[in-house]
C-alpha atoms as a PDB file:
ATOM      1  CA  VAL A   1      12.079  -7.692  -8.908  1.00  0.00           C
ATOM      2  CA  GLN A   2      11.074  -6.612  -5.559  1.00  0.00           C
ATOM      3  CA  LEU A   3       8.898  -4.319  -3.558  1.00  0.00           C
ATOM      4  CA  GLN A   4       9.937  -2.556  -0.627  1.00  0.00           C
ATOM      5  CA  ALA A   5       7.557  -0.910   1.873  1.00  0.00           C
ATOM      6  CA  SER A   6       8.238   1.506   4.462  1.00  0.00           C
ATOM      7  CA  GLY A   7       6.360   4.447   6.616  1.00  0.00           C
ATOM      8  CA  GLY A   8       4.919   2.347   9.328  1.00  0.00           C
ATOM      9  CA  GLY A   9       4.975   2.900  12.761  1.00  0.00           C
ATOM     10  CA  LEU A  10       3.349   4.003  16.168  1.00  0.00           C
ATOM     11  CA  VAL A  11       0.827   6.971  16.125  1.00  0.00           C
ATOM     12  CA  GLN A  12      -1.834   8.103  18.139  1.00  0.00           C
ATOM     13  CA  PRO A  13      -5.416   8.008  17.593  1.00  0.00           C
ATOM     14  CA  GLY A  14      -6.247  10.851  15.136  1.00  0.00           C
ATOM     15  CA  GLY A  15      -2.798  10.973  13.885  1.00  0.00           C
ATOM     16  CA  SER A  16      -1.464  10.412  10.377  1.00  0.00           C
ATOM     17  CA  LEU A  17       1.274   8.464   8.698  1.00  0.00           C
ATOM     18  CA  ARG A  18       2.486   7.776   5.113  1.00  0.00           C
ATOM     19  CA  LEU A  19       3.362   4.799   3.663  1.00  0.00           C
ATOM     20  CA  SER A  20       5.474   4.070   0.605  1.00  0.00           C
ATOM     21  CA  CYS A  21       5.919   1.309  -1.575  1.00  0.00           C
ATOM     22  CA  GLU A  22       8.604   1.086  -4.159  1.00  0.00           C
ATOM     23  CA  ALA A  23       9.360  -1.064  -6.925  1.00  0.00           C
ATOM     24  CA  SER A  24      12.942  -2.133  -8.222  1.00  0.00           C
ATOM     25  CA  GLY A  25      14.710  -4.521 -10.474  1.00  0.00           C
ATOM     26  CA  SER A  26      14.029  -5.332 -14.294  1.00  0.00           C
ATOM     27  CA  ILE A  27      10.881  -3.281 -14.857  1.00  0.00           C
ATOM     28  CA  PHE A  28       9.262  -2.788 -17.786  1.00  0.00           C
ATOM     29  CA  SER A  29       5.913  -1.180 -16.507  1.00  0.00           C
ATOM     30  CA  ILE A  30       3.770  -1.537 -13.523  1.00  0.00           C
ATOM     31  CA  GLY A  31      -0.190  -1.848 -13.705  1.00  0.00           C
ATOM     32  CA  ASP A  32      -2.604  -2.090 -11.085  1.00  0.00           C
ATOM     33  CA  MET A  33      -1.166  -1.077  -7.368  1.00  0.00           C
ATOM     34  CA  GLY A  34      -2.998  -1.775  -4.229  1.00  0.00           C
ATOM     35  CA  TRP A  35      -2.519  -1.562  -0.229  1.00  0.00           C
ATOM     36  CA  TYR A  36      -3.672  -4.574   1.675  1.00  0.00           C
ATOM     37  CA  ARG A  37      -3.596  -4.932   5.643  1.00  0.00           C
ATOM     38  CA  GLN A  38      -3.924  -7.903   8.179  1.00  0.00           C
ATOM     39  CA  ALA A  39      -4.431  -7.283  11.609  1.00  0.00           C
ATOM     40  CA  PRO A  40      -3.734  -9.999  14.331  1.00  0.00           C
ATOM     41  CA  GLY A  41      -6.319 -13.103  13.846  1.00  0.00           C
ATOM     42  CA  LYS A  42      -7.831 -11.773  10.872  1.00  0.00           C
ATOM     43  CA  GLN A  43      -7.646 -12.325   6.935  1.00  0.00           C
ATOM     44  CA  ARG A  44      -5.623  -9.993   4.936  1.00  0.00           C
ATOM     45  CA  GLU A  45      -8.054  -7.367   3.095  1.00  0.00           C
ATOM     46  CA  LEU A  46      -8.263  -4.740   0.489  1.00  0.00           C
ATOM     47  CA  VAL A  47      -7.478  -1.150   1.824  1.00  0.00           C
ATOM     48  CA  ALA A  48      -7.083   1.013  -1.483  1.00  0.00           C
ATOM     49  CA  HIS A  49      -6.293   0.096  -5.263  1.00  0.00           C
ATOM     50  CA  ILE A  50      -5.003   2.239  -7.821  1.00  0.00           C
ATOM     51  CA  THR A  51      -4.721   1.451 -11.649  1.00  0.00           C
ATOM     52  CA  ARG A  52      -1.807   3.023 -13.825  1.00  0.00           C
ATOM     53  CA  GLY A  53      -4.211   5.690 -15.045  1.00  0.00           C
ATOM     54  CA  GLY A  54      -4.834   6.841 -11.517  1.00  0.00           C
ATOM     55  CA  VAL A  55      -8.160   5.441 -11.126  1.00  0.00           C
ATOM     56  CA  THR A  56      -8.491   4.335  -7.395  1.00  0.00           C
ATOM     57  CA  ASN A  57     -11.038   2.578  -5.095  1.00  0.00           C
ATOM     58  CA  TYR A  58     -11.162   2.116  -1.194  1.00  0.00           C
ATOM     59  CA  ALA A  59     -12.443  -0.135   1.466  1.00  0.00           C
ATOM     60  CA  ASP A  60     -15.592   1.510   3.241  1.00  0.00           C
ATOM     61  CA  SER A  61     -13.684   1.335   6.239  1.00  0.00           C
ATOM     62  CA  VAL A  62     -11.065   3.762   5.063  1.00  0.00           C
ATOM     63  CA  LYS A  63     -12.874   5.934   2.587  1.00  0.00           C
ATOM     64  CA  GLY A  64     -12.730   9.617   3.376  1.00  0.00           C
ATOM     65  CA  ARG A  65      -9.376   8.884   5.700  1.00  0.00           C
ATOM     66  CA  PHE A  66      -6.890   7.474   3.430  1.00  0.00           C
ATOM     67  CA  THR A  67      -5.669   8.480   0.119  1.00  0.00           C
ATOM     68  CA  ILE A  68      -3.713   6.166  -2.473  1.00  0.00           C
ATOM     69  CA  SER A  69      -1.333   7.532  -5.103  1.00  0.00           C
ATOM     70  CA  ARG A  70       1.306   6.776  -7.288  1.00  0.00           C
ATOM     71  CA  ASP A  71       4.391   7.877  -8.943  1.00  0.00           C
ATOM     72  CA  ASN A  72       4.804   6.174 -12.045  1.00  0.00           C
ATOM     73  CA  ALA A  73       8.406   7.606 -12.873  1.00  0.00           C
ATOM     74  CA  LYS A  74       9.513   6.241  -9.476  1.00  0.00           C
ATOM     75  CA  ASN A  75       7.547   3.187  -9.565  1.00  0.00           C
ATOM     76  CA  THR A  76       6.225   3.807  -6.300  1.00  0.00           C
ATOM     77  CA  ALA A  77       2.738   3.909  -4.335  1.00  0.00           C
ATOM     78  CA  TYR A  78       1.888   5.775  -1.437  1.00  0.00           C
ATOM     79  CA  LEU A  79      -0.901   5.570   1.073  1.00  0.00           C
ATOM     80  CA  GLN A  80      -1.792   8.620   3.021  1.00  0.00           C
ATOM     81  CA  MET A  81      -3.243   7.779   6.178  1.00  0.00           C
ATOM     82  CA  ASN A  82      -5.304  10.373   8.145  1.00  0.00           C
ATOM     83  CA  SER A  83      -7.701  10.538  11.376  1.00  0.00           C
ATOM     84  CA  LEU A  84      -6.148   7.212  12.168  1.00  0.00           C
ATOM     85  CA  ARG A  85      -8.297   4.872  14.541  1.00  0.00           C
ATOM     86  CA  PRO A  86      -7.002   1.974  16.829  1.00  0.00           C
ATOM     87  CA  GLU A  87      -8.910  -0.278  14.558  1.00  0.00           C
ATOM     88  CA  ASP A  88      -6.472   0.628  11.649  1.00  0.00           C
ATOM     89  CA  THR A  89      -3.768  -1.318  13.304  1.00  0.00           C
ATOM     90  CA  ALA A  90      -2.553  -3.936  11.262  1.00  0.00           C
ATOM     91  CA  VAL A  91       0.603  -4.946   8.920  1.00  0.00           C
ATOM     92  CA  TYR A  92       0.162  -3.115   5.784  1.00  0.00           C
ATOM     93  CA  TYR A  93       1.207  -4.747   2.812  1.00  0.00           C
ATOM     94  CA  CYS A  94       1.641  -3.334  -0.885  1.00  0.00           C
ATOM     95  CA  ASN A  95       0.899  -5.145  -4.244  1.00  0.00           C
ATOM     96  CA  ALA A  96       1.890  -4.606  -7.694  1.00  0.00           C
ATOM     97  CA  ARG A  97       1.325  -5.933 -11.199  1.00  0.00           C
ATOM     98  CA  ILE A  98       4.721  -5.944 -12.814  1.00  0.00           C
ATOM     99  CA  TYR A  99       5.592  -6.488 -16.451  1.00  0.00           C
ATOM    100  CA  THR A 100       9.256  -7.153 -16.546  1.00  0.00           C
ATOM    101  CA  THR A 101      11.968  -6.543 -19.152  1.00  0.00           C
ATOM    102  CA  TRP A 102      12.046 -10.300 -19.938  1.00  0.00           C
ATOM    103  CA  GLY A 103       8.612 -10.384 -20.591  1.00  0.00           C
ATOM    104  CA  SER A 104       6.932 -12.057 -17.961  1.00  0.00           C
ATOM    105  CA  GLU A 105       4.018 -10.421 -15.985  1.00  0.00           C
ATOM    106  CA  SER A 106       3.236 -11.323 -12.390  1.00  0.00           C
ATOM    107  CA  GLY A 107       2.109  -9.641  -8.966  1.00  0.00           C
ATOM    108  CA  TYR A 108       4.495  -9.000  -6.239  1.00  0.00           C
ATOM    109  CA  TRP A 109       3.864  -8.463  -2.751  1.00  0.00           C
ATOM    110  CA  GLY A 110       6.183  -6.059  -0.529  1.00  0.00           C
ATOM    111  CA  GLN A 111       7.325  -7.222   2.910  1.00  0.00           C
ATOM    112  CA  GLY A 112       4.894  -5.237   5.134  1.00  0.00           C
ATOM    113  CA  THR A 113       5.181  -2.620   7.341  1.00  0.00           C
ATOM    114  CA  LEU A 114       3.241  -2.434  10.996  1.00  0.00           C
ATOM    115  CA  VAL A 115       0.942   0.389  11.515  1.00  0.00           C
ATOM    116  CA  THR A 116       0.083   0.634  15.309  1.00  0.00           C
ATOM    117  CA  VAL A 117      -2.384   3.127  16.348  1.00  0.00           C
ATOM    118  CA  SER A 118      -2.652   3.446  20.271  1.00  0.00           C
ATOM    119  CA  SER A 119      -2.340   6.139  22.530  1.00  0.00           C
END
C-alpha cells in the first residue's frame, strides 16, 4: 500500500494549486484522509481533513481558501488551494487510514509535495 502525492509547485501570491493524493495497493477501503504541511523550522500541522462520508474540517488559517475533497472510487483525495499566500509555503503531506485486503488497518503517509508561494 502506498500514497502518492502530486501537484505541488511554484505559484505567485494569490494563485491556485490543486494537490492530489492517490492510494494504491491491496486496499479494501479507506477511512479518514487528510492533508498536513510542514514549513521549514516548524512542526507538521493539519491543514484539512475529510471523512469517508465527506465531512470536512480545516485549520483556521486556510478556511475559506482551501477545499478538501475525495473520490472514493479512485482512492484519491484532493486539496484545492486558492488565494495562496507566502505563509502557505511548505511541504504538503497526505495521510489516510487504510484497511487492507489482508485485514490490517493503519495510517499511511504520502511522500510529500513542495508548495512554494513567491513572487
